């Protein structure tokens, strides 16, 4: 995330197989019944959630 957007990402350990990617308080990507999002899907979701510029 630092290289792509110039922002720091923080890993917060969860429980029960939960995987969520948040920008601020908003969940922008997460694990679903079909599996984990790809790296490209996560990057696109974060980019869409960040303010322009």
C-alpha atoms as a PDB file:
ATOM      1  CA  UNK A   1       0.000   0.000   0.000  1.00  0.00           C
ATOM      2  CA  UNK A   2       2.893   2.324   0.696  1.00  0.00           C
ATOM      3  CA  UNK A   3       4.369   1.888  -2.777  1.00  0.00           C
ATOM      4  CA  UNK A   4       1.034   2.017  -4.598  1.00  0.00           C
ATOM      5  CA  UNK A   5      -0.726   4.802  -2.664  1.00  0.00           C
ATOM      6  CA  UNK A   6       1.767   6.322  -0.224  1.00  0.00           C
ATOM      7  CA  UNK A   7      -0.243   5.142   2.806  1.00  0.00           C
ATOM      8  CA  UNK A   8       0.675   2.817   5.651  1.00  0.00           C
ATOM      9  CA  UNK A   9      -1.249  -0.418   6.168  1.00  0.00           C
ATOM     10  CA  UNK A  10      -1.666  -1.957   9.602  1.00  0.00           C
ATOM     11  CA  UNK A  11      -2.329  -5.645  10.128  1.00  0.00           C
ATOM     12  CA  UNK A  12      -4.702  -6.287  13.013  1.00  0.00           C
ATOM     13  CA  UNK A  13      -4.969  -9.909  14.047  1.00  0.00           C
ATOM     14  CA  UNK A  14      -8.525 -11.166  14.165  1.00  0.00           C
ATOM     15  CA  UNK A  15     -10.255 -14.393  15.106  1.00  0.00           C
ATOM     16  CA  UNK A  16     -12.383 -16.994  13.418  1.00  0.00           C
ATOM     17  CA  UNK A  17     -11.047 -16.684   9.870  1.00  0.00           C
ATOM     18  CA  UNK A  18     -12.187 -13.085   9.417  1.00  0.00           C
ATOM     19  CA  UNK A  19     -10.355 -11.144   6.711  1.00  0.00           C
ATOM     20  CA  UNK A  20     -11.351  -7.526   6.102  1.00  0.00           C
ATOM     21  CA  UNK A  21      -9.592  -4.623   4.455  1.00  0.00           C
ATOM     22  CA  UNK A  22     -10.659  -1.246   5.802  1.00  0.00           C
ATOM     23  CA  UNK A  23     -10.007   2.299   4.741  1.00  0.00           C
ATOM     24  CA  UNK A  24     -10.802   4.290   7.841  1.00  0.00           C
ATOM     25  CA  UNK A  25     -13.957   2.737   9.280  1.00  0.00           C
ATOM     26  CA  UNK A  26     -15.204   1.427   5.918  1.00  0.00           C
ATOM     27  CA  UNK A  27     -14.763  -2.235   4.921  1.00  0.00           C
ATOM     28  CA  UNK A  28     -13.673  -2.131   1.278  1.00  0.00           C
ATOM     29  CA  UNK A  29     -12.801  -5.797   0.741  1.00  0.00           C
ATOM     30  CA  UNK A  30     -13.253  -9.028   2.664  1.00  0.00           C
ATOM     31  CA  UNK A  31     -13.235 -12.806   2.543  1.00  0.00           C
ATOM     32  CA  UNK A  32     -16.431 -14.280   1.158  1.00  0.00           C
ATOM     33  CA  UNK A  33     -17.805 -17.800   0.867  1.00  0.00           C
ATOM     34  CA  UNK A  34     -15.941 -18.117  -2.423  1.00  0.00           C
ATOM     35  CA  UNK A  35     -12.589 -17.245  -0.811  1.00  0.00           C
ATOM     36  CA  UNK A  36     -10.131 -14.432  -0.307  1.00  0.00           C
ATOM     37  CA  UNK A  37      -9.922 -11.432  -2.624  1.00  0.00           C
ATOM     38  CA  UNK A  38      -6.924 -11.311  -4.919  1.00  0.00           C
ATOM     39  CA  UNK A  39      -4.178  -8.745  -4.429  1.00  0.00           C
ATOM     40  CA  UNK A  40      -5.431  -6.859  -7.507  1.00  0.00           C
ATOM     41  CA  UNK A  41      -8.987  -6.804  -6.144  1.00  0.00           C
ATOM     42  CA  UNK A  42      -7.749  -5.398  -2.832  1.00  0.00           C
ATOM     43  CA  UNK A  43      -5.657  -2.706  -4.529  1.00  0.00           C
ATOM     44  CA  UNK A  44      -8.617  -1.658  -6.711  1.00  0.00           C
ATOM     45  CA  UNK A  45     -10.953  -1.538  -3.686  1.00  0.00           C
ATOM     46  CA  UNK A  46      -8.512   0.579  -1.678  1.00  0.00           C
ATOM     47  CA  UNK A  47      -7.933   2.913  -4.633  1.00  0.00           C
ATOM     48  CA  UNK A  48     -11.664   3.422  -5.037  1.00  0.00           C
ATOM     49  CA  UNK A  49     -12.034   4.256  -1.337  1.00  0.00           C
ATOM     50  CA  UNK A  50      -9.197   6.797  -1.147  1.00  0.00           C
ATOM     51  CA  UNK A  51      -9.867  10.451  -1.897  1.00  0.00           C
ATOM     52  CA  UNK A  52      -8.597  11.656  -5.297  1.00  0.00           C
ATOM     53  CA  UNK A  53      -5.076  13.024  -5.454  1.00  0.00           C
END
